Amino acid sequence: MTDTHTRDNDRLPIEDRQRQLQELFDAFRKTQIVVTDRLHGMIFSAITGTPCVAFRNRNHKIKSTYDSWLRAHEYIRFQDDFDIGHTLQLVEALGQLGTTEIQPPNLTEYYGPLRKAVVGQA
């Protein structure tokens, strides 16, 4: 179990942020399956190509992000209920996926123009 936010992150020197983010992504890549009710857990799973079961939480962010951006990715599944049997079925199905079903989104395609506008490089 892990959390993506610690109190020290607020004071982390900017030069260390990229390193810490890469370490977090590496930890996700080494994980077989993520089960989460946190938006960042689902997003980091999508970025790293890590199979994920994401539960709804008390707000709409996870479901909306899943429906809008991640539904097409077979390795990211959304579960609206808290049925343990259904969760175990999803985990088992995700464990059977091969590399052809796990294709992380090309974020450069989506965010390259934004980055170029903000920092002047793609």
C-alpha atoms as a PDB file:
ATOM      1  CA  MET A   1       0.000   0.000   0.000  1.00  0.00           C
ATOM      2  CA  THR A   2       1.297   3.453  -0.822  1.00  0.00           C
ATOM      3  CA  ASP A   3       0.223   7.052  -1.104  1.00  0.00           C
ATOM      4  CA  THR A   4       1.400   9.443  -3.800  1.00  0.00           C
ATOM      5  CA  HIS A   5       1.547  12.449  -1.494  1.00  0.00           C
ATOM      6  CA  THR A   6       3.694  13.073   1.531  1.00  0.00           C
ATOM      7  CA  ARG A   7       4.116  16.198   3.591  1.00  0.00           C
ATOM      8  CA  ASP A   8       7.683  16.592   2.346  1.00  0.00           C
ATOM      9  CA  ASN A   9       6.490  16.981  -1.267  1.00  0.00           C
ATOM     10  CA  ASP A  10       5.385  20.548  -0.532  1.00  0.00           C
ATOM     11  CA  ARG A  11       8.984  21.529   0.195  1.00  0.00           C
ATOM     12  CA  LEU A  12      10.757  19.325  -2.301  1.00  0.00           C
ATOM     13  CA  PRO A  13      13.346  21.300  -4.272  1.00  0.00           C
ATOM     14  CA  ILE A  14      12.340  21.620  -7.893  1.00  0.00           C
ATOM     15  CA  GLU A  15      15.481  19.809  -9.077  1.00  0.00           C
ATOM     16  CA  ASP A  16      14.424  16.721  -7.079  1.00  0.00           C
ATOM     17  CA  ARG A  17      10.841  16.575  -8.313  1.00  0.00           C
ATOM     18  CA  GLN A  18      11.563  14.864 -11.630  1.00  0.00           C
ATOM     19  CA  ARG A  19      13.665  12.219  -9.875  1.00  0.00           C
ATOM     20  CA  GLN A  20      10.977  11.529  -7.294  1.00  0.00           C
ATOM     21  CA  LEU A  21       8.274  11.310  -9.969  1.00  0.00           C
ATOM     22  CA  GLN A  22      10.403   8.844 -11.948  1.00  0.00           C
ATOM     23  CA  GLU A  23      10.886   6.736  -8.794  1.00  0.00           C
ATOM     24  CA  LEU A  24       7.120   6.701  -8.276  1.00  0.00           C
ATOM     25  CA  PHE A  25       6.506   5.670 -11.904  1.00  0.00           C
ATOM     26  CA  ASP A  26       9.133   2.920 -11.536  1.00  0.00           C
ATOM     27  CA  ALA A  27       7.320   1.617  -8.446  1.00  0.00           C
ATOM     28  CA  PHE A  28       4.060   1.480 -10.432  1.00  0.00           C
ATOM     29  CA  ARG A  29       5.784  -0.334 -13.320  1.00  0.00           C
ATOM     30  CA  LYS A  30       7.051  -3.027 -10.913  1.00  0.00           C
ATOM     31  CA  THR A  31       3.531  -3.643  -9.577  1.00  0.00           C
ATOM     32  CA  GLN A  32       1.449  -6.396 -11.159  1.00  0.00           C
ATOM     33  CA  ILE A  33      -1.970  -4.816 -10.536  1.00  0.00           C
ATOM     34  CA  VAL A  34      -3.101  -1.624  -8.785  1.00  0.00           C
ATOM     35  CA  VAL A  35      -6.402  -1.540  -6.889  1.00  0.00           C
ATOM     36  CA  THR A  36      -7.279   2.018  -5.904  1.00  0.00           C
ATOM     37  CA  ASP A  37      -9.926   4.589  -5.140  1.00  0.00           C
ATOM     38  CA  ARG A  38      -7.529   7.456  -5.846  1.00  0.00           C
ATOM     39  CA  LEU A  39      -7.488   9.422  -9.097  1.00  0.00           C
ATOM     40  CA  HIS A  40      -3.697   9.660  -9.221  1.00  0.00           C
ATOM     41  CA  GLY A  41      -3.381   5.921  -8.687  1.00  0.00           C
ATOM     42  CA  MET A  42      -5.514   5.308 -11.767  1.00  0.00           C
ATOM     43  CA  ILE A  43      -3.729   7.954 -13.849  1.00  0.00           C
ATOM     44  CA  PHE A  44      -0.237   6.754 -12.875  1.00  0.00           C
ATOM     45  CA  SER A  45      -1.317   3.203 -13.720  1.00  0.00           C
ATOM     46  CA  ALA A  46      -2.448   4.370 -17.163  1.00  0.00           C
ATOM     47  CA  ILE A  47       0.798   6.266 -17.779  1.00  0.00           C
ATOM     48  CA  THR A  48       3.005   3.356 -16.722  1.00  0.00           C
ATOM     49  CA  GLY A  49       0.998   0.588 -18.390  1.00  0.00           C
ATOM     50  CA  THR A  50       0.148  -1.037 -15.060  1.00  0.00           C
ATOM     51  CA  PRO A  51      -3.175  -2.913 -14.928  1.00  0.00           C
ATOM     52  CA  CYS A  52      -5.597  -1.202 -12.543  1.00  0.00           C
ATOM     53  CA  VAL A  53      -9.004  -1.634 -10.932  1.00  0.00           C
ATOM     54  CA  ALA A  54     -10.268   1.798  -9.887  1.00  0.00           C
ATOM     55  CA  PHE A  55     -13.214   2.152  -7.523  1.00  0.00           C
ATOM     56  CA  ARG A  56     -15.581   5.074  -7.443  1.00  0.00           C
ATOM     57  CA  ASN A  57     -15.041   7.394  -4.519  1.00  0.00           C
ATOM     58  CA  ARG A  58     -17.089  10.153  -2.929  1.00  0.00           C
ATOM     59  CA  ASN A  59     -16.674  12.528  -5.845  1.00  0.00           C
ATOM     60  CA  HIS A  60     -17.016  12.138  -9.603  1.00  0.00           C
ATOM     61  CA  LYS A  61     -13.355  12.562 -10.634  1.00  0.00           C
ATOM     62  CA  ILE A  62     -12.366   8.923 -11.030  1.00  0.00           C
ATOM     63  CA  LYS A  63     -15.475   7.933 -12.981  1.00  0.00           C
ATOM     64  CA  SER A  64     -15.332  11.053 -15.163  1.00  0.00           C
ATOM     65  CA  THR A  65     -11.645  10.591 -15.954  1.00  0.00           C
ATOM     66  CA  TYR A  66     -12.200   6.912 -16.700  1.00  0.00           C
ATOM     67  CA  ASP A  67     -15.213   7.618 -18.940  1.00  0.00           C
ATOM     68  CA  SER A  68     -13.544  10.546 -20.728  1.00  0.00           C
ATOM     69  CA  TRP A  69      -9.956   9.364 -21.158  1.00  0.00           C
ATOM     70  CA  LEU A  70      -9.250   5.816 -20.068  1.00  0.00           C
ATOM     71  CA  ARG A  71     -12.228   3.602 -20.933  1.00  0.00           C
ATOM     72  CA  ALA A  72     -10.609   2.463 -24.200  1.00  0.00           C
ATOM     73  CA  HIS A  73      -7.582   1.047 -22.355  1.00  0.00           C
ATOM     74  CA  GLU A  74      -8.303  -2.612 -21.541  1.00  0.00           C
ATOM     75  CA  TYR A  75      -5.844  -2.641 -18.643  1.00  0.00           C
ATOM     76  CA  ILE A  76      -7.738   0.078 -16.732  1.00  0.00           C
ATOM     77  CA  ARG A  77     -11.079  -1.042 -15.301  1.00  0.00           C
ATOM     78  CA  PHE A  78     -13.606   0.964 -13.320  1.00  0.00           C
ATOM     79  CA  GLN A  79     -15.753  -0.662 -10.659  1.00  0.00           C
ATOM     80  CA  ASP A  80     -18.794   1.249  -9.469  1.00  0.00           C
ATOM     81  CA  ASP A  81     -19.666  -1.139  -6.657  1.00  0.00           C
ATOM     82  CA  PHE A  82     -17.693  -2.732  -3.851  1.00  0.00           C
ATOM     83  CA  ASP A  83     -18.498  -6.361  -4.607  1.00  0.00           C
ATOM     84  CA  ILE A  84     -15.452  -8.467  -3.688  1.00  0.00           C
ATOM     85  CA  GLY A  85     -16.414 -11.207  -6.144  1.00  0.00           C
ATOM     86  CA  HIS A  86     -16.519  -8.724  -9.024  1.00  0.00           C
ATOM     87  CA  THR A  87     -13.210  -7.200  -7.899  1.00  0.00           C
ATOM     88  CA  LEU A  88     -11.541 -10.615  -7.883  1.00  0.00           C
ATOM     89  CA  GLN A  89     -12.905 -11.321 -11.382  1.00  0.00           C
ATOM     90  CA  LEU A  90     -11.465  -8.036 -12.660  1.00  0.00           C
ATOM     91  CA  VAL A  91      -8.098  -8.690 -11.009  1.00  0.00           C
ATOM     92  CA  GLU A  92      -7.982 -12.172 -12.535  1.00  0.00           C
ATOM     93  CA  ALA A  93      -8.901 -10.826 -15.993  1.00  0.00           C
ATOM     94  CA  LEU A  94      -6.248  -8.121 -15.757  1.00  0.00           C
ATOM     95  CA  GLY A  95      -3.688 -10.726 -14.738  1.00  0.00           C
ATOM     96  CA  GLN A  96      -4.361 -12.555 -18.014  1.00  0.00           C
ATOM     97  CA  LEU A  97      -3.653  -9.551 -20.253  1.00  0.00           C
ATOM     98  CA  GLY A  98      -0.687  -9.739 -22.568  1.00  0.00           C
ATOM     99  CA  THR A  99       1.517  -6.924 -23.737  1.00  0.00           C
ATOM    100  CA  THR A 100      -0.654  -6.256 -26.795  1.00  0.00           C
ATOM    101  CA  GLU A 101      -3.595  -5.299 -24.559  1.00  0.00           C
ATOM    102  CA  ILE A 102      -1.450  -2.991 -22.444  1.00  0.00           C
ATOM    103  CA  GLN A 103      -0.702   0.087 -24.519  1.00  0.00           C
ATOM    104  CA  PRO A 104      -0.181   3.251 -22.455  1.00  0.00           C
ATOM    105  CA  PRO A 105      -1.590   6.401 -24.048  1.00  0.00           C
ATOM    106  CA  ASN A 106       0.757   8.585 -26.070  1.00  0.00           C
ATOM    107  CA  LEU A 107       0.717  11.608 -23.795  1.00  0.00           C
ATOM    108  CA  THR A 108       3.033  13.593 -26.031  1.00  0.00           C
ATOM    109  CA  GLU A 109       0.303  13.547 -28.664  1.00  0.00           C
ATOM    110  CA  TYR A 110      -2.122  15.148 -26.209  1.00  0.00           C
ATOM    111  CA  TYR A 111       0.122  17.344 -24.116  1.00  0.00           C
ATOM    112  CA  GLY A 112       2.992  18.179 -26.479  1.00  0.00           C
ATOM    113  CA  PRO A 113       1.241  21.283 -27.854  1.00  0.00           C
ATOM    114  CA  LEU A 114       0.411  22.449 -24.322  1.00  0.00           C
ATOM    115  CA  ARG A 115       3.996  21.964 -23.159  1.00  0.00           C
ATOM    116  CA  LYS A 116       5.307  23.829 -26.196  1.00  0.00           C
ATOM    117  CA  ALA A 117       2.961  26.728 -25.457  1.00  0.00           C
ATOM    118  CA  VAL A 118       3.930  26.864 -21.775  1.00  0.00           C
ATOM    119  CA  VAL A 119       7.682  26.197 -21.825  1.00  0.00           C
ATOM    120  CA  GLY A 120       8.537  26.725 -25.467  1.00  0.00           C
ATOM    121  CA  GLN A 121       9.572  23.139 -26.262  1.00  0.00           C
ATOM    122  CA  ALA A 122       7.869  19.909 -27.227  1.00  0.00           C
END
